[in-house]
PDB file of all heavy atoms in Angstrom:
ATOM      1  N   SER A   1       1.943 -57.194 -18.183  1.00  0.00           N
ATOM      2  CA  SER A   1       2.022 -57.643 -16.787  1.00  0.00           C
ATOM      3  C   SER A   1       0.854 -58.550 -16.502  1.00  0.00           C
ATOM      4  O   SER A   1      -0.327 -58.083 -16.593  1.00  0.00           O
ATOM      5  CB  SER A   1       2.000 -56.422 -15.834  1.00  0.00           C
ATOM      6  OG  SER A   1       1.992 -56.889 -14.518  1.00  0.00           O
ATOM      7  N   PRO A   2       1.099 -59.796 -16.157  1.00  0.00           N
ATOM      8  CA  PRO A   2      -0.035 -60.730 -15.911  1.00  0.00           C
ATOM      9  C   PRO A   2      -0.936 -60.264 -14.739  1.00  0.00           C
ATOM     10  O   PRO A   2      -2.098 -60.590 -14.731  1.00  0.00           O
ATOM     11  CB  PRO A   2       0.677 -62.036 -15.532  1.00  0.00           C
ATOM     12  CG  PRO A   2       2.043 -61.948 -16.095  1.00  0.00           C
ATOM     13  CD  PRO A   2       2.393 -60.468 -16.081  1.00  0.00           C
ATOM     14  N   ASP A   3      -0.392 -59.500 -13.836  1.00  0.00           N
ATOM     15  CA  ASP A   3      -1.214 -59.018 -12.716  1.00  0.00           C
ATOM     16  C   ASP A   3      -1.962 -57.736 -13.013  1.00  0.00           C
ATOM     17  O   ASP A   3      -2.754 -57.266 -12.156  1.00  0.00           O
ATOM     18  CB  ASP A   3      -0.307 -58.793 -11.481  1.00  0.00           C
ATOM     19  CG  ASP A   3       0.249 -60.117 -10.958  1.00  0.00           C
ATOM     20  OD1 ASP A   3      -0.552 -61.059 -10.808  1.00  0.00           O
ATOM     21  OD2 ASP A   3       1.480 -60.177 -10.741  1.00  0.00           O
ATOM     22  N   LEU A   4      -1.760 -57.137 -14.198  1.00  0.00           N
ATOM     23  CA  LEU A   4      -2.458 -55.940 -14.598  1.00  0.00           C
ATOM     24  C   LEU A   4      -3.051 -56.132 -15.991  1.00  0.00           C
ATOM     25  O   LEU A   4      -2.528 -55.636 -16.988  1.00  0.00           O
ATOM     26  CB  LEU A   4      -1.544 -54.717 -14.618  1.00  0.00           C
ATOM     27  CG  LEU A   4      -0.989 -54.292 -13.258  1.00  0.00           C
ATOM     28  CD1 LEU A   4       0.112 -53.253 -13.458  1.00  0.00           C
ATOM     29  CD2 LEU A   4      -2.101 -53.710 -12.382  1.00  0.00           C
ATOM     30  N   PRO A   5      -4.164 -56.885 -16.102  1.00  0.00           N
ATOM     31  CA  PRO A   5      -4.742 -57.159 -17.407  1.00  0.00           C
ATOM     32  C   PRO A   5      -4.983 -55.877 -18.185  1.00  0.00           C
ATOM     33  O   PRO A   5      -5.469 -54.906 -17.659  1.00  0.00           O
ATOM     34  CB  PRO A   5      -6.040 -57.867 -17.091  1.00  0.00           C
ATOM     35  CG  PRO A   5      -5.831 -58.456 -15.714  1.00  0.00           C
ATOM     36  CD  PRO A   5      -4.903 -57.487 -15.013  1.00  0.00           C
ATOM     37  N   GLY A   6      -4.617 -55.883 -19.477  1.00  0.00           N
ATOM     38  CA  GLY A   6      -4.835 -54.753 -20.336  1.00  0.00           C
ATOM     39  C   GLY A   6      -3.691 -53.739 -20.323  1.00  0.00           C
ATOM     40  O   GLY A   6      -3.684 -52.796 -21.114  1.00  0.00           O
ATOM     41  N   CYS A   7      -2.709 -53.941 -19.488  1.00  0.00           N
ATOM     42  CA  CYS A   7      -1.570 -52.994 -19.378  1.00  0.00           C
ATOM     43  C   CYS A   7      -0.465 -53.573 -20.268  1.00  0.00           C
ATOM     44  O   CYS A   7       0.161 -54.586 -19.898  1.00  0.00           O
ATOM     45  CB  CYS A   7      -1.134 -52.809 -17.974  1.00  0.00           C
ATOM     46  SG  CYS A   7       0.102 -51.532 -17.763  1.00  0.00           S
ATOM     47  N   VAL A   8      -0.196 -52.962 -21.407  1.00  0.00           N
ATOM     48  CA  VAL A   8       0.773 -53.443 -22.367  1.00  0.00           C
ATOM     49  C   VAL A   8       1.629 -52.320 -22.894  1.00  0.00           C
ATOM     50  O   VAL A   8       1.277 -51.156 -22.809  1.00  0.00           O
ATOM     51  CB  VAL A   8       0.082 -54.176 -23.556  1.00  0.00           C
ATOM     52  CG1 VAL A   8      -0.702 -55.392 -23.060  1.00  0.00           C
ATOM     53  CG2 VAL A   8      -0.830 -53.250 -24.329  1.00  0.00           C
ATOM     54  N   ALA A   9       2.765 -52.653 -23.536  1.00  0.00           N
ATOM     55  CA  ALA A   9       3.624 -51.669 -24.170  1.00  0.00           C
ATOM     56  C   ALA A   9       4.414 -52.366 -25.264  1.00  0.00           C
ATOM     57  O   ALA A   9       4.551 -53.599 -25.286  1.00  0.00           O
ATOM     58  CB  ALA A   9       4.554 -51.054 -23.161  1.00  0.00           C
ATOM     59  N   VAL A  10       4.941 -51.561 -26.183  1.00  0.00           N
ATOM     60  CA  VAL A  10       5.787 -52.055 -27.260  1.00  0.00           C
ATOM     61  C   VAL A  10       7.046 -51.174 -27.298  1.00  0.00           C
ATOM     62  O   VAL A  10       7.106 -50.067 -26.799  1.00  0.00           O
ATOM     63  CB  VAL A  10       5.136 -52.106 -28.648  1.00  0.00           C
ATOM     64  CG1 VAL A  10       3.960 -53.056 -28.628  1.00  0.00           C
ATOM     65  CG2 VAL A  10       4.668 -50.716 -29.050  1.00  0.00           C
ATOM     66  N   GLY A  11       8.103 -51.699 -27.964  1.00  0.00           N
ATOM     67  CA  GLY A  11       9.339 -50.948 -28.161  1.00  0.00           C
ATOM     68  C   GLY A  11      10.240 -51.632 -29.165  1.00  0.00           C
ATOM     69  O   GLY A  11      10.046 -52.830 -29.428  1.00  0.00           O
ATOM     70  N   ASP A  12      11.175 -50.906 -29.674  1.00  0.00           N
ATOM     71  CA  ASP A  12      12.103 -51.469 -30.686  1.00  0.00           C
ATOM     72  C   ASP A  12      13.174 -52.344 -30.066  1.00  0.00           C
ATOM     73  O   ASP A  12      13.790 -53.144 -30.775  1.00  0.00           O
ATOM     74  CB  ASP A  12      12.755 -50.317 -31.481  1.00  0.00           C
ATOM     75  CG  ASP A  12      11.756 -49.593 -32.376  1.00  0.00           C
ATOM     76  OD1 ASP A  12      10.782 -50.240 -32.819  1.00  0.00           O
ATOM     77  OD2 ASP A  12      11.945 -48.401 -32.638  1.00  0.00           O
ATOM     78  N   THR A  13      13.478 -52.153 -28.808  1.00  0.00           N
ATOM     79  CA  THR A  13      14.488 -52.946 -28.098  1.00  0.00           C
ATOM     80  C   THR A  13      13.944 -53.412 -26.767  1.00  0.00           C
ATOM     81  O   THR A  13      12.949 -52.839 -26.244  1.00  0.00           O
ATOM     82  CB  THR A  13      15.752 -52.086 -27.847  1.00  0.00           C
ATOM     83  OG1 THR A  13      15.386 -51.028 -26.915  1.00  0.00           O
ATOM     84  CG2 THR A  13      16.333 -51.500 -29.130  1.00  0.00           C
ATOM     85  N   PRO A  14      14.579 -54.400 -26.132  1.00  0.00           N
ATOM     86  CA  PRO A  14      14.127 -54.791 -24.809  1.00  0.00           C
ATOM     87  C   PRO A  14      14.159 -53.642 -23.805  1.00  0.00           C
ATOM     88  O   PRO A  14      13.276 -53.510 -22.991  1.00  0.00           O
ATOM     89  CB  PRO A  14      15.091 -55.896 -24.404  1.00  0.00           C
ATOM     90  CG  PRO A  14      15.607 -56.458 -25.705  1.00  0.00           C
ATOM     91  CD  PRO A  14      15.630 -55.309 -26.660  1.00  0.00           C
ATOM     92  N   GLU A  15      15.196 -52.839 -23.904  1.00  0.00           N
ATOM     93  CA  GLU A  15      15.332 -51.669 -22.976  1.00  0.00           C
ATOM     94  C   GLU A  15      14.192 -50.659 -23.191  1.00  0.00           C
ATOM     95  O   GLU A  15      13.639 -50.121 -22.274  1.00  0.00           O
ATOM     96  CB  GLU A  15      16.694 -50.978 -23.165  1.00  0.00           C
ATOM     97  CG  GLU A  15      17.854 -51.858 -22.797  1.00  0.00           C
ATOM     98  CD  GLU A  15      18.244 -52.900 -23.896  1.00  0.00           C
ATOM     99  OE1 GLU A  15      17.848 -52.794 -25.047  1.00  0.00           O
ATOM    100  OE2 GLU A  15      18.975 -53.824 -23.502  1.00  0.00           O
ATOM    101  N   GLU A  16      13.866 -50.420 -24.462  1.00  0.00           N
ATOM    102  CA  GLU A  16      12.806 -49.472 -24.779  1.00  0.00           C
ATOM    103  C   GLU A  16      11.447 -49.959 -24.291  1.00  0.00           C
ATOM    104  O   GLU A  16      10.655 -49.248 -23.715  1.00  0.00           O
ATOM    105  CB  GLU A  16      12.759 -49.162 -26.275  1.00  0.00           C
ATOM    106  CG  GLU A  16      11.710 -48.111 -26.596  1.00  0.00           C
ATOM    107  CD  GLU A  16      11.647 -47.789 -28.088  1.00  0.00           C
ATOM    108  OE1 GLU A  16      12.176 -48.536 -28.925  1.00  0.00           O
ATOM    109  OE2 GLU A  16      11.049 -46.697 -28.403  1.00  0.00           O
ATOM    110  N   VAL A  17      11.174 -51.276 -24.534  1.00  0.00           N
ATOM    111  CA  VAL A  17       9.875 -51.787 -24.109  1.00  0.00           C
ATOM    112  C   VAL A  17       9.791 -51.810 -22.562  1.00  0.00           C
ATOM    113  O   VAL A  17       8.718 -51.565 -22.025  1.00  0.00           O
ATOM    114  CB  VAL A  17       9.560 -53.183 -24.731  1.00  0.00           C
ATOM    115  CG1 VAL A  17      10.301 -54.310 -24.085  1.00  0.00           C
ATOM    116  CG2 VAL A  17       8.061 -53.453 -24.676  1.00  0.00           C
ATOM    117  N   GLU A  18      10.918 -52.078 -21.893  1.00  0.00           N
ATOM    118  CA  GLU A  18      10.880 -52.029 -20.435  1.00  0.00           C
ATOM    119  C   GLU A  18      10.585 -50.610 -19.956  1.00  0.00           C
ATOM    120  O   GLU A  18       9.803 -50.396 -19.032  1.00  0.00           O
ATOM    121  CB  GLU A  18      12.208 -52.501 -19.872  1.00  0.00           C
ATOM    122  CG  GLU A  18      12.235 -52.569 -18.362  1.00  0.00           C
ATOM    123  CD  GLU A  18      13.522 -53.154 -17.808  1.00  0.00           C
ATOM    124  OE1 GLU A  18      14.235 -53.848 -18.527  1.00  0.00           O
ATOM    125  OE2 GLU A  18      13.803 -52.854 -16.631  1.00  0.00           O
ATOM    126  N   LYS A  19      11.233 -49.632 -20.548  1.00  0.00           N
ATOM    127  CA  LYS A  19      10.987 -48.212 -20.198  1.00  0.00           C
ATOM    128  C   LYS A  19       9.526 -47.852 -20.482  1.00  0.00           C
ATOM    129  O   LYS A  19       8.835 -47.204 -19.628  1.00  0.00           O
ATOM    130  CB  LYS A  19      11.912 -47.328 -20.994  1.00  0.00           C
ATOM    131  CG  LYS A  19      11.733 -45.849 -20.814  1.00  0.00           C
ATOM    132  CD  LYS A  19      12.701 -45.050 -21.688  1.00  0.00           C
ATOM    133  CE  LYS A  19      12.251 -43.697 -22.021  1.00  0.00           C
ATOM    134  NZ  LYS A  19      11.247 -43.602 -23.058  1.00  0.00           N
ATOM    135  N   ASN A  20       9.012 -48.259 -21.631  1.00  0.00           N
ATOM    136  CA  ASN A  20       7.607 -47.962 -21.996  1.00  0.00           C
ATOM    137  C   ASN A  20       6.616 -48.649 -21.039  1.00  0.00           C
ATOM    138  O   ASN A  20       5.595 -48.106 -20.667  1.00  0.00           O
ATOM    139  CB  ASN A  20       7.345 -48.337 -23.439  1.00  0.00           C
ATOM    140  CG  ASN A  20       8.086 -47.473 -24.407  1.00  0.00           C
ATOM    141  OD1 ASN A  20       8.634 -46.419 -24.055  1.00  0.00           O
ATOM    142  ND2 ASN A  20       8.170 -47.900 -25.649  1.00  0.00           N
ATOM    143  N   MET A  21       6.964 -49.898 -20.664  1.00  0.00           N
ATOM    144  CA  MET A  21       6.119 -50.609 -19.755  1.00  0.00           C
ATOM    145  C   MET A  21       6.084 -50.020 -18.366  1.00  0.00           C
ATOM    146  O   MET A  21       5.056 -49.943 -17.696  1.00  0.00           O
ATOM    147  CB  MET A  21       6.554 -52.115 -19.704  1.00  0.00           C
ATOM    148  CG  MET A  21       5.579 -52.990 -19.015  1.00  0.00           C
ATOM    149  SD  MET A  21       4.007 -53.046 -19.918  1.00  0.00           S
ATOM    150  CE  MET A  21       2.994 -53.947 -18.709  1.00  0.00           C
ATOM    151  N   HIS A  22       7.248 -49.522 -17.942  1.00  0.00           N
ATOM    152  CA  HIS A  22       7.318 -48.821 -16.627  1.00  0.00           C
ATOM    153  C   HIS A  22       6.332 -47.643 -16.643  1.00  0.00           C
ATOM    154  O   HIS A  22       5.580 -47.461 -15.671  1.00  0.00           O
ATOM    155  CB  HIS A  22       8.780 -48.350 -16.406  1.00  0.00           C
ATOM    156  CG  HIS A  22       9.018 -47.744 -15.092  1.00  0.00           C
ATOM    157  ND1 HIS A  22       8.830 -46.435 -14.845  1.00  0.00           N
ATOM    158  CD2 HIS A  22       9.393 -48.317 -13.908  1.00  0.00           C
ATOM    159  CE1 HIS A  22       9.102 -46.195 -13.550  1.00  0.00           C
ATOM    160  NE2 HIS A  22       9.492 -47.317 -12.978  1.00  0.00           N
ATOM    161  N   GLU A  23       6.368 -46.874 -17.721  1.00  0.00           N
ATOM    162  CA  GLU A  23       5.461 -45.699 -17.797  1.00  0.00           C
ATOM    163  C   GLU A  23       4.009 -46.162 -17.917  1.00  0.00           C
ATOM    164  O   GLU A  23       3.111 -45.573 -17.269  1.00  0.00           O
ATOM    165  CB  GLU A  23       5.819 -44.853 -19.016  1.00  0.00           C
ATOM    166  CG  GLU A  23       5.113 -43.522 -19.046  1.00  0.00           C
ATOM    167  CD  GLU A  23       5.443 -42.617 -17.883  1.00  0.00           C
ATOM    168  OE1 GLU A  23       6.504 -42.736 -17.268  1.00  0.00           O
ATOM    169  OE2 GLU A  23       4.613 -41.746 -17.551  1.00  0.00           O
ATOM    170  N   ALA A  24       3.770 -47.233 -18.642  1.00  0.00           N
ATOM    171  CA  ALA A  24       2.349 -47.759 -18.795  1.00  0.00           C
ATOM    172  C   ALA A  24       1.806 -48.246 -17.474  1.00  0.00           C
ATOM    173  O   ALA A  24       0.664 -47.965 -17.146  1.00  0.00           O
ATOM    174  CB  ALA A  24       2.354 -48.894 -19.823  1.00  0.00           C
ATOM    175  N   ILE A  25       2.650 -48.879 -16.697  1.00  0.00           N
ATOM    176  CA  ILE A  25       2.180 -49.345 -15.356  1.00  0.00           C
ATOM    177  C   ILE A  25       1.915 -48.178 -14.447  1.00  0.00           C
ATOM    178  O   ILE A  25       0.874 -48.135 -13.732  1.00  0.00           O
ATOM    179  CB  ILE A  25       3.214 -50.324 -14.718  1.00  0.00           C
ATOM    180  CG1 ILE A  25       3.177 -51.634 -15.487  1.00  0.00           C
ATOM    181  CG2 ILE A  25       2.901 -50.532 -13.224  1.00  0.00           C
ATOM    182  CD1 ILE A  25       4.306 -52.614 -15.054  1.00  0.00           C
ATOM    183  N   LYS A  26       2.759 -47.156 -14.419  1.00  0.00           N
ATOM    184  CA  LYS A  26       2.529 -45.973 -13.613  1.00  0.00           C
ATOM    185  C   LYS A  26       1.192 -45.344 -13.974  1.00  0.00           C
ATOM    186  O   LYS A  26       0.371 -45.008 -13.088  1.00  0.00           O
ATOM    187  CB  LYS A  26       3.640 -44.944 -13.831  1.00  0.00           C
ATOM    188  CG  LYS A  26       4.899 -45.291 -13.037  1.00  0.00           C
ATOM    189  CD  LYS A  26       6.058 -44.355 -13.313  1.00  0.00           C
ATOM    190  CE  LYS A  26       5.728 -42.892 -13.412  1.00  0.00           C
ATOM    191  NZ  LYS A  26       6.914 -42.035 -13.703  1.00  0.00           N
ATOM    192  N   ILE A  27       0.925 -45.189 -15.264  1.00  0.00           N
ATOM    193  CA  ILE A  27      -0.321 -44.579 -15.741  1.00  0.00           C
ATOM    194  C   ILE A  27      -1.522 -45.491 -15.374  1.00  0.00           C
ATOM    195  O   ILE A  27      -2.571 -44.970 -14.898  1.00  0.00           O
ATOM    196  CB  ILE A  27      -0.284 -44.317 -17.229  1.00  0.00           C
ATOM    197  CG1 ILE A  27       0.745 -43.191 -17.525  1.00  0.00           C
ATOM    198  CG2 ILE A  27      -1.670 -43.950 -17.781  1.00  0.00           C
ATOM    199  CD1 ILE A  27       1.098 -43.027 -18.960  1.00  0.00           C
ATOM    200  N   HIS A  28      -1.372 -46.772 -15.570  1.00  0.00           N
ATOM    201  CA  HIS A  28      -2.414 -47.699 -15.272  1.00  0.00           C
ATOM    202  C   HIS A  28      -2.808 -47.688 -13.800  1.00  0.00           C
ATOM    203  O   HIS A  28      -4.000 -47.595 -13.494  1.00  0.00           O
ATOM    204  CB  HIS A  28      -1.991 -49.137 -15.720  1.00  0.00           C
ATOM    205  CG  HIS A  28      -3.058 -50.149 -15.713  1.00  0.00           C
ATOM    206  ND1 HIS A  28      -3.827 -50.433 -16.804  1.00  0.00           N
ATOM    207  CD2 HIS A  28      -3.457 -51.001 -14.747  1.00  0.00           C
ATOM    208  CE1 HIS A  28      -4.695 -51.391 -16.517  1.00  0.00           C
ATOM    209  NE2 HIS A  28      -4.488 -51.763 -15.286  1.00  0.00           N
ATOM    210  N   VAL A  29      -1.809 -47.795 -12.946  1.00  0.00           N
ATOM    211  CA  VAL A  29      -2.094 -47.802 -11.489  1.00  0.00           C
ATOM    212  C   VAL A  29      -2.610 -46.449 -11.041  1.00  0.00           C
ATOM    213  O   VAL A  29      -3.569 -46.401 -10.226  1.00  0.00           O
ATOM    214  CB  VAL A  29      -0.816 -48.203 -10.721  1.00  0.00           C
ATOM    215  CG1 VAL A  29      -0.987 -47.967  -9.198  1.00  0.00           C
ATOM    216  CG2 VAL A  29      -0.453 -49.648 -10.998  1.00  0.00           C
ATOM    217  N   GLN A  30      -2.096 -45.371 -11.563  1.00  0.00           N
ATOM    218  CA  GLN A  30      -2.622 -44.034 -11.193  1.00  0.00           C
ATOM    219  C   GLN A  30      -4.111 -43.925 -11.594  1.00  0.00           C
ATOM    220  O   GLN A  30      -4.898 -43.382 -10.824  1.00  0.00           O
ATOM    221  CB  GLN A  30      -1.824 -42.945 -11.837  1.00  0.00           C
ATOM    222  CG  GLN A  30      -2.198 -41.540 -11.357  1.00  0.00           C
ATOM    223  CD  GLN A  30      -2.014 -41.364  -9.841  1.00  0.00           C
ATOM    224  OE1 GLN A  30      -0.984 -41.752  -9.296  1.00  0.00           O
ATOM    225  NE2 GLN A  30      -2.988 -40.786  -9.227  1.00  0.00           N
ATOM    226  N   GLY A  31      -4.485 -44.441 -12.769  1.00  0.00           N
ATOM    227  CA  GLY A  31      -5.855 -44.413 -13.190  1.00  0.00           C
ATOM    228  C   GLY A  31      -6.761 -45.244 -12.236  1.00  0.00           C
ATOM    229  O   GLY A  31      -7.906 -44.841 -11.949  1.00  0.00           O
ATOM    230  N   MET A  32      -6.226 -46.379 -11.804  1.00  0.00           N
ATOM    231  CA  MET A  32      -7.000 -47.219 -10.852  1.00  0.00           C
ATOM    232  C   MET A  32      -7.217 -46.487  -9.541  1.00  0.00           C
ATOM    233  O   MET A  32      -8.303 -46.529  -8.967  1.00  0.00           O
ATOM    234  CB  MET A  32      -6.295 -48.535 -10.630  1.00  0.00           C
ATOM    235  CG  MET A  32      -6.229 -49.412 -11.848  1.00  0.00           C
ATOM    236  SD  MET A  32      -5.381 -50.976 -11.556  1.00  0.00           S
ATOM    237  CE  MET A  32      -6.715 -51.900 -10.803  1.00  0.00           C
ATOM    238  N   ILE A  33      -6.182 -45.791  -9.081  1.00  0.00           N
ATOM    239  CA  ILE A  33      -6.280 -44.995  -7.832  1.00  0.00           C
ATOM    240  C   ILE A  33      -7.320 -43.886  -8.009  1.00  0.00           C
ATOM    241  O   ILE A  33      -8.195 -43.685  -7.157  1.00  0.00           O
ATOM    242  CB  ILE A  33      -4.932 -44.403  -7.428  1.00  0.00           C
ATOM    243  CG1 ILE A  33      -3.977 -45.545  -6.967  1.00  0.00           C
ATOM    244  CG2 ILE A  33      -5.074 -43.345  -6.307  1.00  0.00           C
ATOM    245  CD1 ILE A  33      -2.520 -45.145  -6.819  1.00  0.00           C
ATOM    246  N   GLU A  34      -7.251 -43.171  -9.113  1.00  0.00           N
ATOM    247  CA  GLU A  34      -8.229 -42.097  -9.377  1.00  0.00           C
ATOM    248  C   GLU A  34      -9.655 -42.598  -9.501  1.00  0.00           C
ATOM    249  O   GLU A  34     -10.589 -41.914  -9.119  1.00  0.00           O
ATOM    250  CB  GLU A  34      -7.828 -41.330 -10.623  1.00  0.00           C
ATOM    251  CG  GLU A  34      -6.575 -40.529 -10.469  1.00  0.00           C
ATOM    252  CD  GLU A  34      -6.010 -39.935 -11.751  1.00  0.00           C
ATOM    253  OE1 GLU A  34      -6.685 -40.059 -12.802  1.00  0.00           O
ATOM    254  OE2 GLU A  34      -4.952 -39.334 -11.707  1.00  0.00           O
ATOM    255  N   ASP A  35      -9.807 -43.855 -10.007  1.00  0.00           N
ATOM    256  CA  ASP A  35     -11.152 -44.447 -10.142  1.00  0.00           C
ATOM    257  C   ASP A  35     -11.599 -45.212  -8.888  1.00  0.00           C
ATOM    258  O   ASP A  35     -12.617 -45.890  -8.899  1.00  0.00           O
ATOM    259  CB  ASP A  35     -11.196 -45.403 -11.344  1.00  0.00           C
ATOM    260  CG  ASP A  35     -11.061 -44.640 -12.696  1.00  0.00           C
ATOM    261  OD1 ASP A  35     -11.300 -43.421 -12.723  1.00  0.00           O
ATOM    262  OD2 ASP A  35     -10.692 -45.308 -13.681  1.00  0.00           O
ATOM    263  N   HIS A  36     -10.783 -45.093  -7.838  1.00  0.00           N
ATOM    264  CA  HIS A  36     -11.098 -45.756  -6.585  1.00  0.00           C
ATOM    265  C   HIS A  36     -11.191 -47.289  -6.737  1.00  0.00           C
ATOM    266  O   HIS A  36     -12.027 -47.919  -6.056  1.00  0.00           O
ATOM    267  CB  HIS A  36     -12.319 -45.181  -5.886  1.00  0.00           C
ATOM    268  CG  HIS A  36     -12.255 -43.703  -5.707  1.00  0.00           C
ATOM    269  ND1 HIS A  36     -11.440 -43.124  -4.756  1.00  0.00           N
ATOM    270  CD2 HIS A  36     -12.837 -42.686  -6.384  1.00  0.00           C
ATOM    271  CE1 HIS A  36     -11.562 -41.790  -4.826  1.00  0.00           C
ATOM    272  NE2 HIS A  36     -12.393 -41.523  -5.809  1.00  0.00           N
ATOM    273  N   GLU A  37     -10.372 -47.817  -7.623  1.00  0.00           N
ATOM    274  CA  GLU A  37     -10.337 -49.292  -7.798  1.00  0.00           C
ATOM    275  C   GLU A  37      -9.195 -49.847  -6.970  1.00  0.00           C
ATOM    276  O   GLU A  37      -8.190 -49.197  -6.789  1.00  0.00           O
ATOM    277  CB  GLU A  37     -10.114 -49.640  -9.268  1.00  0.00           C
ATOM    278  CG  GLU A  37     -11.233 -49.178 -10.180  1.00  0.00           C
ATOM    279  CD  GLU A  37     -10.905 -49.477 -11.650  1.00  0.00           C
ATOM    280  OE1 GLU A  37      -9.919 -50.195 -11.923  1.00  0.00           O
ATOM    281  OE2 GLU A  37     -11.644 -48.988 -12.491  1.00  0.00           O
ATOM    282  N   PRO A  38      -9.354 -51.052  -6.496  1.00  0.00           N
ATOM    283  CA  PRO A  38      -8.262 -51.661  -5.727  1.00  0.00           C
ATOM    284  C   PRO A  38      -7.057 -52.011  -6.625  1.00  0.00           C
ATOM    285  O   PRO A  38      -7.233 -52.452  -7.764  1.00  0.00           O
ATOM    286  CB  PRO A  38      -8.866 -52.939  -5.130  1.00  0.00           C
ATOM    287  CG  PRO A  38     -10.015 -53.282  -6.037  1.00  0.00           C
ATOM    288  CD  PRO A  38     -10.492 -51.965  -6.595  1.00  0.00           C
ATOM    289  N   ILE A  39      -5.884 -51.768  -6.122  1.00  0.00           N
ATOM    290  CA  ILE A  39      -4.664 -52.115  -6.841  1.00  0.00           C
ATOM    291  C   ILE A  39      -4.427 -53.629  -6.621  1.00  0.00           C
ATOM    292  O   ILE A  39      -4.400 -54.064  -5.462  1.00  0.00           O
ATOM    293  CB  ILE A  39      -3.455 -51.309  -6.336  1.00  0.00           C
ATOM    294  CG1 ILE A  39      -3.734 -49.834  -6.397  1.00  0.00           C
ATOM    295  CG2 ILE A  39      -2.216 -51.663  -7.158  1.00  0.00           C
ATOM    296  CD1 ILE A  39      -4.186 -49.296  -7.728  1.00  0.00           C
TER     297      ILE A  39
END
């Protein structure tokens, strides 16, 4: 995601990488919230 530097994912299919990226973004944003960083 160009708007979330360092947030990446991989997968064997486009559908799998999209699913993995969805989870990666959730974790990334939750970590930013916990660290009191602006989204």
